[in-house]
Amino acid sequence: MKKLSLIVIIVAACLFLNMPVFAFGPGPGGGLGPGSGEGRGPGYHREAGFLKLNLTDEQKAKIEALQIAHQKEIGPIREKMFDKSMELRRLWLQPSPDKDKIVVLQKEVRVLRDQLEDKSTEHKLELRKVLTPEQQEKLTHSGWGKKTGFGPRGGMRGPGGAGPGICY
């Protein structure tokens, strides 16, 4: 009888102590959803912009193939840029950073960033070729191609910020 009483008291205490957790409810569901992975690199919300274009199955297949090819093409460049950026960060963390090495690495990172930007431009132009003129018009008015972030004309600071449409 003592064992049963002890178990009932422990279970009741656990339930009582966990009540505040259940009081909050499920919440707004602000997560990124399934398959979001780590971070939100280029292409985040891309699918939302294309959904508004009423793409045919053939167009969807072509676009998906272009996107896969683009990711394969830029993957090695992104990895190199990440490696160079980490190396640059390590140089800056040294007690007396070597200016010449830092300058060289910064230039290398800029070259890689420019390569990524060029590949992105090529990719966007290839994507547009898949669309009909009406779909291209819709895409133009959806804010496709706007920059993200807090730089010039990006983010939510001033005109030209990230409005509706695809974050590229």
N, C-alpha and C. Protein backbone atom coordinates (compact mmCIF):
# COMPACT_ATOMS: atom_id res chain seq x y z
N MET A 1 0.82 -1.19 0.00
CA MET A 1 0.00 0.00 0.00
C MET A 1 0.87 1.26 0.00
N LYS A 2 1.97 1.20 0.76
CA LYS A 2 2.87 2.35 0.80
C LYS A 2 3.50 2.60 -0.56
N LYS A 3 3.84 1.51 -1.28
CA LYS A 3 4.44 1.64 -2.61
C LYS A 3 3.46 2.31 -3.56
N LEU A 4 2.22 1.89 -3.53
CA LEU A 4 1.20 2.44 -4.41
C LEU A 4 0.99 3.92 -4.12
N SER A 5 0.94 4.27 -2.85
CA SER A 5 0.77 5.68 -2.46
C SER A 5 1.95 6.51 -2.94
N LEU A 6 3.15 5.98 -2.80
CA LEU A 6 4.35 6.69 -3.23
C LEU A 6 4.33 6.90 -4.75
N ILE A 7 3.94 5.89 -5.50
CA ILE A 7 3.88 6.01 -6.96
C ILE A 7 2.84 7.04 -7.37
N VAL A 8 1.68 7.01 -6.74
CA VAL A 8 0.61 7.98 -7.05
C VAL A 8 1.09 9.40 -6.75
N ILE A 9 1.77 9.60 -5.64
CA ILE A 9 2.27 10.93 -5.27
C ILE A 9 3.32 11.40 -6.28
N ILE A 10 4.22 10.53 -6.71
CA ILE A 10 5.26 10.91 -7.68
C ILE A 10 4.63 11.28 -9.02
N VAL A 11 3.68 10.46 -9.49
CA VAL A 11 3.01 10.75 -10.76
C VAL A 11 2.25 12.07 -10.67
N ALA A 12 1.55 12.29 -9.58
CA ALA A 12 0.80 13.54 -9.39
C ALA A 12 1.74 14.73 -9.36
N ALA A 13 2.88 14.58 -8.70
CA ALA A 13 3.86 15.68 -8.63
C ALA A 13 4.41 15.99 -10.02
N CYS A 14 4.71 14.95 -10.79
CA CYS A 14 5.22 15.16 -12.15
C CYS A 14 4.18 15.88 -13.01
N LEU A 15 2.95 15.45 -12.94
CA LEU A 15 1.89 16.11 -13.72
C LEU A 15 1.71 17.56 -13.28
N PHE A 16 1.73 17.78 -11.98
CA PHE A 16 1.56 19.14 -11.45
C PHE A 16 2.70 20.05 -11.90
N LEU A 17 3.92 19.55 -11.86
CA LEU A 17 5.07 20.36 -12.24
C LEU A 17 5.14 20.62 -13.75
N ASN A 18 4.53 19.76 -14.56
CA ASN A 18 4.55 19.94 -16.01
C ASN A 18 3.37 20.74 -16.54
N MET A 19 2.44 21.13 -15.70
CA MET A 19 1.26 21.87 -16.17
C MET A 19 1.62 23.17 -16.88
N PRO A 20 2.59 23.95 -16.42
CA PRO A 20 2.90 25.19 -17.15
C PRO A 20 3.34 24.94 -18.59
N VAL A 21 3.96 23.82 -18.85
CA VAL A 21 4.40 23.50 -20.20
C VAL A 21 3.18 23.37 -21.12
N PHE A 22 2.14 22.70 -20.65
CA PHE A 22 0.96 22.49 -21.47
C PHE A 22 0.09 23.74 -21.54
N ALA A 23 0.25 24.66 -20.62
CA ALA A 23 -0.57 25.87 -20.61
C ALA A 23 -0.25 26.78 -21.80
N PHE A 24 0.95 26.68 -22.34
CA PHE A 24 1.32 27.54 -23.46
C PHE A 24 0.66 27.13 -24.77
N GLY A 25 0.26 25.91 -24.90
CA GLY A 25 -0.39 25.47 -26.14
C GLY A 25 0.62 25.26 -27.25
N PRO A 26 0.11 25.00 -28.45
CA PRO A 26 1.00 24.67 -29.55
C PRO A 26 1.80 25.84 -30.09
N GLY A 27 1.39 27.07 -29.87
CA GLY A 27 2.15 28.22 -30.37
C GLY A 27 1.82 28.55 -31.81
N PRO A 28 2.46 29.58 -32.34
CA PRO A 28 2.13 30.05 -33.68
C PRO A 28 2.68 29.19 -34.81
N GLY A 29 3.55 28.26 -34.51
CA GLY A 29 4.11 27.43 -35.58
C GLY A 29 5.09 28.20 -36.44
N GLY A 30 5.96 28.96 -35.83
CA GLY A 30 6.88 29.81 -36.57
C GLY A 30 8.08 29.11 -37.16
N GLY A 31 8.13 27.79 -37.10
CA GLY A 31 9.28 27.08 -37.65
C GLY A 31 9.30 27.13 -39.17
N LEU A 32 10.41 26.71 -39.75
CA LEU A 32 10.56 26.75 -41.20
C LEU A 32 9.91 25.57 -41.89
N GLY A 33 9.50 24.56 -41.15
CA GLY A 33 8.82 23.44 -41.76
C GLY A 33 9.78 22.34 -42.18
N PRO A 34 9.20 21.26 -42.68
CA PRO A 34 10.04 20.12 -43.03
C PRO A 34 10.98 20.42 -44.18
N GLY A 35 12.17 19.87 -44.08
CA GLY A 35 13.14 20.01 -45.16
C GLY A 35 13.82 21.35 -45.22
N SER A 36 13.67 22.17 -44.18
CA SER A 36 14.28 23.49 -44.25
C SER A 36 15.79 23.43 -44.09
N GLY A 37 16.28 22.41 -43.41
CA GLY A 37 17.72 22.26 -43.28
C GLY A 37 18.34 23.39 -42.48
N GLU A 38 19.66 23.44 -42.50
CA GLU A 38 20.35 24.49 -41.77
C GLU A 38 20.44 25.74 -42.63
N GLY A 39 20.08 26.84 -42.06
CA GLY A 39 20.22 28.11 -42.77
C GLY A 39 19.21 28.28 -43.88
N ARG A 40 19.23 29.46 -44.48
CA ARG A 40 18.28 29.76 -45.54
C ARG A 40 19.01 30.37 -46.71
N GLY A 41 19.96 29.72 -47.23
CA GLY A 41 20.78 30.27 -48.30
C GLY A 41 20.00 30.70 -49.52
N PRO A 42 20.68 30.89 -50.63
CA PRO A 42 20.02 31.33 -51.84
C PRO A 42 18.90 30.39 -52.22
N GLY A 43 17.80 30.96 -52.65
CA GLY A 43 16.69 30.14 -53.09
C GLY A 43 15.61 29.97 -52.04
N TYR A 44 15.81 30.51 -50.84
CA TYR A 44 14.79 30.41 -49.82
C TYR A 44 13.54 31.11 -50.34
N HIS A 45 12.41 30.53 -50.24
CA HIS A 45 11.11 31.03 -50.72
C HIS A 45 10.99 30.97 -52.24
N ARG A 46 11.93 30.37 -52.93
CA ARG A 46 11.87 30.31 -54.39
C ARG A 46 10.60 29.62 -54.83
N GLU A 47 10.24 28.52 -54.17
CA GLU A 47 9.08 27.74 -54.58
C GLU A 47 7.80 28.56 -54.47
N ALA A 48 7.70 29.42 -53.46
CA ALA A 48 6.49 30.22 -53.27
C ALA A 48 6.25 31.12 -54.47
N GLY A 49 7.29 31.72 -55.02
CA GLY A 49 7.14 32.59 -56.18
C GLY A 49 6.73 31.83 -57.42
N PHE A 50 7.27 30.62 -57.58
CA PHE A 50 6.94 29.83 -58.76
C PHE A 50 5.54 29.23 -58.66
N LEU A 51 5.02 29.03 -57.43
CA LEU A 51 3.67 28.50 -57.28
C LEU A 51 2.63 29.44 -57.89
N LYS A 52 2.89 30.72 -57.83
CA LYS A 52 1.94 31.72 -58.34
C LYS A 52 1.93 31.77 -59.86
N LEU A 53 2.86 31.08 -60.51
CA LEU A 53 2.97 31.16 -61.96
C LEU A 53 2.16 30.09 -62.69
N ASN A 54 1.54 29.18 -61.95
CA ASN A 54 0.76 28.09 -62.56
C ASN A 54 1.59 27.34 -63.60
N LEU A 55 2.70 26.80 -63.18
CA LEU A 55 3.61 26.09 -64.08
C LEU A 55 3.01 24.76 -64.52
N THR A 56 3.33 24.37 -65.74
CA THR A 56 2.94 23.05 -66.21
C THR A 56 3.89 22.02 -65.60
N ASP A 57 3.52 20.76 -65.69
CA ASP A 57 4.38 19.70 -65.16
C ASP A 57 5.73 19.69 -65.88
N GLU A 58 5.70 19.94 -67.18
CA GLU A 58 6.94 19.97 -67.96
C GLU A 58 7.84 21.11 -67.50
N GLN A 59 7.24 22.28 -67.24
CA GLN A 59 8.03 23.43 -66.76
C GLN A 59 8.62 23.13 -65.39
N LYS A 60 7.81 22.53 -64.52
CA LYS A 60 8.30 22.19 -63.18
C LYS A 60 9.50 21.24 -63.26
N ALA A 61 9.41 20.26 -64.15
CA ALA A 61 10.50 19.30 -64.30
C ALA A 61 11.76 19.98 -64.82
N LYS A 62 11.60 20.88 -65.80
CA LYS A 62 12.76 21.59 -66.35
C LYS A 62 13.40 22.49 -65.29
N ILE A 63 12.55 23.19 -64.54
CA ILE A 63 13.07 24.10 -63.51
C ILE A 63 13.79 23.31 -62.43
N GLU A 64 13.21 22.19 -62.02
CA GLU A 64 13.87 21.36 -61.00
C GLU A 64 15.22 20.86 -61.50
N ALA A 65 15.27 20.44 -62.76
CA ALA A 65 16.54 19.96 -63.33
C ALA A 65 17.57 21.08 -63.38
N LEU A 66 17.12 22.29 -63.75
CA LEU A 66 18.03 23.44 -63.78
C LEU A 66 18.55 23.76 -62.38
N GLN A 67 17.67 23.69 -61.39
CA GLN A 67 18.07 24.00 -60.02
C GLN A 67 19.06 22.97 -59.49
N ILE A 68 18.82 21.71 -59.79
CA ILE A 68 19.75 20.66 -59.34
C ILE A 68 21.12 20.85 -60.00
N ALA A 69 21.10 21.12 -61.30
CA ALA A 69 22.37 21.33 -62.01
C ALA A 69 23.10 22.55 -61.46
N HIS A 70 22.34 23.60 -61.15
CA HIS A 70 22.94 24.83 -60.60
C HIS A 70 23.59 24.55 -59.25
N GLN A 71 22.89 23.82 -58.39
CA GLN A 71 23.44 23.51 -57.07
C GLN A 71 24.71 22.67 -57.19
N LYS A 72 24.72 21.72 -58.13
CA LYS A 72 25.93 20.91 -58.33
C LYS A 72 27.08 21.76 -58.84
N GLU A 73 26.75 22.74 -59.67
CA GLU A 73 27.78 23.60 -60.26
C GLU A 73 28.39 24.55 -59.23
N ILE A 74 27.54 25.09 -58.35
CA ILE A 74 28.07 26.08 -57.40
C ILE A 74 28.57 25.45 -56.11
N GLY A 75 28.24 24.18 -55.87
CA GLY A 75 28.66 23.52 -54.63
C GLY A 75 30.16 23.62 -54.36
N PRO A 76 31.00 23.24 -55.32
CA PRO A 76 32.45 23.32 -55.08
C PRO A 76 32.93 24.76 -54.85
N ILE A 77 32.33 25.71 -55.55
CA ILE A 77 32.73 27.12 -55.37
C ILE A 77 32.36 27.57 -53.96
N ARG A 78 31.16 27.21 -53.52
CA ARG A 78 30.72 27.58 -52.17
C ARG A 78 31.63 26.96 -51.11
N GLU A 79 32.02 25.71 -51.33
CA GLU A 79 32.91 25.04 -50.37
C GLU A 79 34.26 25.75 -50.30
N LYS A 80 34.81 26.11 -51.48
CA LYS A 80 36.09 26.84 -51.50
C LYS A 80 35.95 28.17 -50.77
N MET A 81 34.83 28.87 -51.03
CA MET A 81 34.63 30.17 -50.40
C MET A 81 34.52 30.01 -48.88
N PHE A 82 33.83 28.98 -48.44
CA PHE A 82 33.71 28.72 -47.01
C PHE A 82 35.08 28.44 -46.40
N ASP A 83 35.86 27.59 -47.07
CA ASP A 83 37.20 27.26 -46.57
C ASP A 83 38.08 28.50 -46.48
N LYS A 84 38.05 29.33 -47.53
CA LYS A 84 38.86 30.56 -47.54
C LYS A 84 38.39 31.51 -46.44
N SER A 85 37.07 31.59 -46.25
CA SER A 85 36.53 32.47 -45.21
C SER A 85 36.96 32.01 -43.82
N MET A 86 36.96 30.70 -43.61
CA MET A 86 37.40 30.17 -42.31
C MET A 86 38.89 30.43 -42.11
N GLU A 87 39.66 30.27 -43.16
CA GLU A 87 41.10 30.54 -43.08
C GLU A 87 41.33 32.02 -42.76
N LEU A 88 40.55 32.87 -43.39
CA LEU A 88 40.65 34.31 -43.15
C LEU A 88 40.29 34.63 -41.70
N ARG A 89 39.25 33.99 -41.20
CA ARG A 89 38.84 34.20 -39.81
C ARG A 89 39.96 33.79 -38.86
N ARG A 90 40.61 32.66 -39.15
CA ARG A 90 41.72 32.20 -38.30
C ARG A 90 42.88 33.20 -38.32
N LEU A 91 43.14 33.78 -39.49
CA LEU A 91 44.21 34.79 -39.57
C LEU A 91 43.88 36.00 -38.69
N TRP A 92 42.63 36.42 -38.73
CA TRP A 92 42.23 37.58 -37.93
C TRP A 92 42.31 37.29 -36.43
N LEU A 93 42.17 36.05 -36.04
CA LEU A 93 42.18 35.69 -34.62
C LEU A 93 43.59 35.55 -34.05
N GLN A 94 44.59 35.60 -34.90
CA GLN A 94 45.96 35.51 -34.41
C GLN A 94 46.34 36.78 -33.65
N PRO A 95 47.25 36.66 -32.68
CA PRO A 95 47.66 37.84 -31.89
C PRO A 95 48.20 38.98 -32.76
N SER A 96 48.98 38.65 -33.79
CA SER A 96 49.46 39.70 -34.70
C SER A 96 49.17 39.22 -36.14
N PRO A 97 48.00 39.58 -36.66
CA PRO A 97 47.59 39.10 -37.99
C PRO A 97 48.54 39.57 -39.09
N ASP A 98 48.79 38.69 -40.06
CA ASP A 98 49.65 38.99 -41.19
C ASP A 98 48.82 39.70 -42.26
N LYS A 99 49.11 40.99 -42.45
CA LYS A 99 48.34 41.82 -43.37
C LYS A 99 48.36 41.27 -44.79
N ASP A 100 49.52 40.87 -45.27
CA ASP A 100 49.65 40.39 -46.65
C ASP A 100 48.79 39.15 -46.89
N LYS A 101 48.82 38.21 -45.95
CA LYS A 101 48.02 37.00 -46.10
C LYS A 101 46.53 37.33 -46.09
N ILE A 102 46.14 38.25 -45.21
CA ILE A 102 44.74 38.65 -45.11
C ILE A 102 44.27 39.27 -46.42
N VAL A 103 45.07 40.17 -46.97
CA VAL A 103 44.70 40.84 -48.23
C VAL A 103 44.55 39.83 -49.36
N VAL A 104 45.48 38.89 -49.44
CA VAL A 104 45.43 37.86 -50.50
C VAL A 104 44.16 37.02 -50.34
N LEU A 105 43.87 36.60 -49.12
CA LEU A 105 42.68 35.77 -48.89
C LEU A 105 41.39 36.54 -49.18
N GLN A 106 41.36 37.82 -48.81
CA GLN A 106 40.17 38.63 -49.09
C GLN A 106 39.91 38.71 -50.59
N LYS A 107 40.98 38.87 -51.35
CA LYS A 107 40.84 38.92 -52.81
C LYS A 107 40.32 37.58 -53.35
N GLU A 108 40.84 36.48 -52.81
CA GLU A 108 40.38 35.16 -53.25
C GLU A 108 38.90 34.96 -52.94
N VAL A 109 38.48 35.40 -51.76
CA VAL A 109 37.06 35.28 -51.39
C VAL A 109 36.20 36.12 -52.32
N ARG A 110 36.67 37.33 -52.66
CA ARG A 110 35.92 38.19 -53.58
C ARG A 110 35.78 37.55 -54.95
N VAL A 111 36.85 36.94 -55.44
CA VAL A 111 36.80 36.27 -56.75
C VAL A 111 35.77 35.14 -56.71
N LEU A 112 35.77 34.35 -55.65
CA LEU A 112 34.81 33.26 -55.52
C LEU A 112 33.38 33.79 -55.42
N ARG A 113 33.21 34.88 -54.68
CA ARG A 113 31.87 35.49 -54.56
C ARG A 113 31.39 35.99 -55.91
N ASP A 114 32.29 36.59 -56.68
CA ASP A 114 31.93 37.05 -58.03
C ASP A 114 31.55 35.87 -58.92
N GLN A 115 32.27 34.76 -58.79
CA GLN A 115 31.92 33.57 -59.57
C GLN A 115 30.52 33.08 -59.22
N LEU A 116 30.20 33.08 -57.93
CA LEU A 116 28.86 32.66 -57.51
C LEU A 116 27.79 33.60 -58.06
N GLU A 117 28.07 34.89 -58.03
CA GLU A 117 27.11 35.88 -58.56
C GLU A 117 26.91 35.67 -60.06
N ASP A 118 27.99 35.41 -60.79
CA ASP A 118 27.88 35.15 -62.23
C ASP A 118 27.05 33.90 -62.50
N LYS A 119 27.30 32.84 -61.73
CA LYS A 119 26.55 31.59 -61.90
C LYS A 119 25.07 31.82 -61.57
N SER A 120 24.81 32.62 -60.56
CA SER A 120 23.43 32.92 -60.19
C SER A 120 22.71 33.67 -61.31
N THR A 121 23.41 34.62 -61.93
CA THR A 121 22.83 35.38 -63.04
C THR A 121 22.51 34.45 -64.21
N GLU A 122 23.46 33.58 -64.55
CA GLU A 122 23.24 32.61 -65.63
C GLU A 122 22.03 31.73 -65.32
N HIS A 123 21.94 31.29 -64.07
CA HIS A 123 20.84 30.41 -63.65
C HIS A 123 19.49 31.12 -63.79
N LYS A 124 19.43 32.34 -63.33
CA LYS A 124 18.16 33.10 -63.43
C LYS A 124 17.74 33.27 -64.88
N LEU A 125 18.70 33.55 -65.74
CA LEU A 125 18.38 33.73 -67.16
C LEU A 125 17.89 32.41 -67.77
N GLU A 126 18.50 31.30 -67.37
CA GLU A 126 18.05 29.99 -67.86
C GLU A 126 16.64 29.68 -67.37
N LEU A 127 16.35 30.04 -66.11
CA LEU A 127 15.01 29.80 -65.57
C LEU A 127 13.96 30.59 -66.35
N ARG A 128 14.29 31.82 -66.70
CA ARG A 128 13.33 32.66 -67.44
C ARG A 128 13.00 32.06 -68.80
N LYS A 129 13.96 31.36 -69.42
CA LYS A 129 13.72 30.77 -70.74
C LYS A 129 12.64 29.69 -70.70
N VAL A 130 12.42 29.09 -69.53
CA VAL A 130 11.43 28.03 -69.39
C VAL A 130 10.01 28.61 -69.35
N LEU A 131 9.89 29.87 -68.96
CA LEU A 131 8.58 30.50 -68.74
C LEU A 131 8.00 31.10 -70.01
N THR A 132 6.67 31.18 -70.02
CA THR A 132 5.97 31.87 -71.10
C THR A 132 6.10 33.37 -70.86
N PRO A 133 5.83 34.21 -71.87
CA PRO A 133 5.90 35.66 -71.66
C PRO A 133 4.97 36.14 -70.53
N GLU A 134 3.78 35.53 -70.41
CA GLU A 134 2.86 35.92 -69.34
C GLU A 134 3.44 35.58 -67.96
N GLN A 135 4.05 34.41 -67.87
CA GLN A 135 4.65 34.00 -66.60
C GLN A 135 5.85 34.89 -66.26
N GLN A 136 6.62 35.27 -67.27
CA GLN A 136 7.75 36.17 -67.04
C GLN A 136 7.26 37.51 -66.52
N GLU A 137 6.14 37.98 -67.05
CA GLU A 137 5.57 39.26 -66.60
C GLU A 137 5.14 39.15 -65.13
N LYS A 138 4.47 38.05 -64.78
CA LYS A 138 4.06 37.83 -63.39
C LYS A 138 5.28 37.78 -62.48
N LEU A 139 6.31 37.10 -62.95
CA LEU A 139 7.53 36.95 -62.16
C LEU A 139 8.19 38.30 -61.91
N THR A 140 8.19 39.14 -62.94
CA THR A 140 8.79 40.47 -62.82
C THR A 140 8.07 41.29 -61.75
N HIS A 141 6.75 41.17 -61.69
CA HIS A 141 5.97 41.96 -60.74
C HIS A 141 5.91 41.33 -59.35
N SER A 142 6.43 40.11 -59.21
CA SER A 142 6.39 39.45 -57.90
C SER A 142 7.58 39.83 -57.02
N GLY A 143 8.51 40.61 -57.55
CA GLY A 143 9.68 40.98 -56.75
C GLY A 143 10.83 40.00 -56.92
N TRP A 144 10.76 39.14 -57.93
CA TRP A 144 11.80 38.15 -58.17
C TRP A 144 13.10 38.85 -58.51
N GLY A 145 14.18 38.41 -57.91
CA GLY A 145 15.48 38.99 -58.19
C GLY A 145 15.88 40.07 -57.21
N LYS A 146 14.97 40.42 -56.27
CA LYS A 146 15.35 41.41 -55.26
C LYS A 146 16.42 40.83 -54.36
N LYS A 147 17.29 41.68 -53.92
CA LYS A 147 18.36 41.25 -53.01
C LYS A 147 17.78 41.14 -51.61
N THR A 148 18.40 40.28 -50.80
CA THR A 148 18.02 40.17 -49.40
C THR A 148 19.15 40.72 -48.55
N GLY A 149 18.88 40.90 -47.29
CA GLY A 149 19.92 41.39 -46.39
C GLY A 149 19.74 42.87 -46.11
N PHE A 150 20.72 43.47 -45.46
CA PHE A 150 20.58 44.85 -45.03
C PHE A 150 21.44 45.81 -45.84
N GLY A 151 21.95 45.36 -46.95
CA GLY A 151 22.75 46.23 -47.80
C GLY A 151 21.86 47.15 -48.60
N PRO A 152 22.43 47.80 -49.62
CA PRO A 152 21.64 48.71 -50.44
C PRO A 152 20.45 47.99 -51.06
N ARG A 153 19.28 48.57 -50.87
CA ARG A 153 18.03 48.08 -51.45
C ARG A 153 17.65 46.68 -50.99
N GLY A 154 18.19 46.23 -49.88
CA GLY A 154 17.88 44.89 -49.39
C GLY A 154 17.29 44.97 -48.00
N GLY A 155 16.74 43.88 -47.53
CA GLY A 155 16.19 43.82 -46.19
C GLY A 155 14.97 44.70 -46.06
N MET A 156 14.78 45.26 -44.89
CA MET A 156 13.60 46.08 -44.65
C MET A 156 14.00 47.52 -44.34
N ARG A 157 15.09 47.96 -44.88
CA ARG A 157 15.55 49.33 -44.63
C ARG A 157 15.37 50.16 -45.88
N GLY A 158 14.32 50.88 -45.94
CA GLY A 158 14.12 51.80 -47.05
C GLY A 158 13.49 51.16 -48.27
N PRO A 159 13.35 51.95 -49.34
CA PRO A 159 12.68 51.47 -50.54
C PRO A 159 13.40 50.30 -51.18
N GLY A 160 12.63 49.43 -51.80
CA GLY A 160 13.22 48.31 -52.52
C GLY A 160 13.55 47.13 -51.64
N GLY A 161 12.99 47.09 -50.43
CA GLY A 161 13.27 46.00 -49.52
C GLY A 161 12.65 44.71 -49.96
N ALA A 162 12.75 43.71 -49.12
CA ALA A 162 12.26 42.38 -49.46
C ALA A 162 10.75 42.36 -49.34
N GLY A 163 10.07 42.65 -50.39
CA GLY A 163 8.62 42.61 -50.42
C GLY A 163 8.14 41.23 -50.81
N PRO A 164 6.93 41.16 -51.38
CA PRO A 164 6.43 39.86 -51.78
C PRO A 164 7.25 39.30 -52.93
N GLY A 165 7.34 38.03 -52.98
CA GLY A 165 8.06 37.41 -54.09
C GLY A 165 9.20 36.54 -53.61
N ILE A 166 10.06 36.22 -54.51
CA ILE A 166 11.11 35.26 -54.26
C ILE A 166 12.35 35.96 -53.71
N CYS A 167 12.89 35.40 -52.65
CA CYS A 167 14.16 35.91 -52.11
C CYS A 167 15.27 35.20 -52.85
N TYR A 168 15.97 35.89 -53.69
CA TYR A 168 17.03 35.24 -54.46
C TYR A 168 18.36 35.68 -53.95
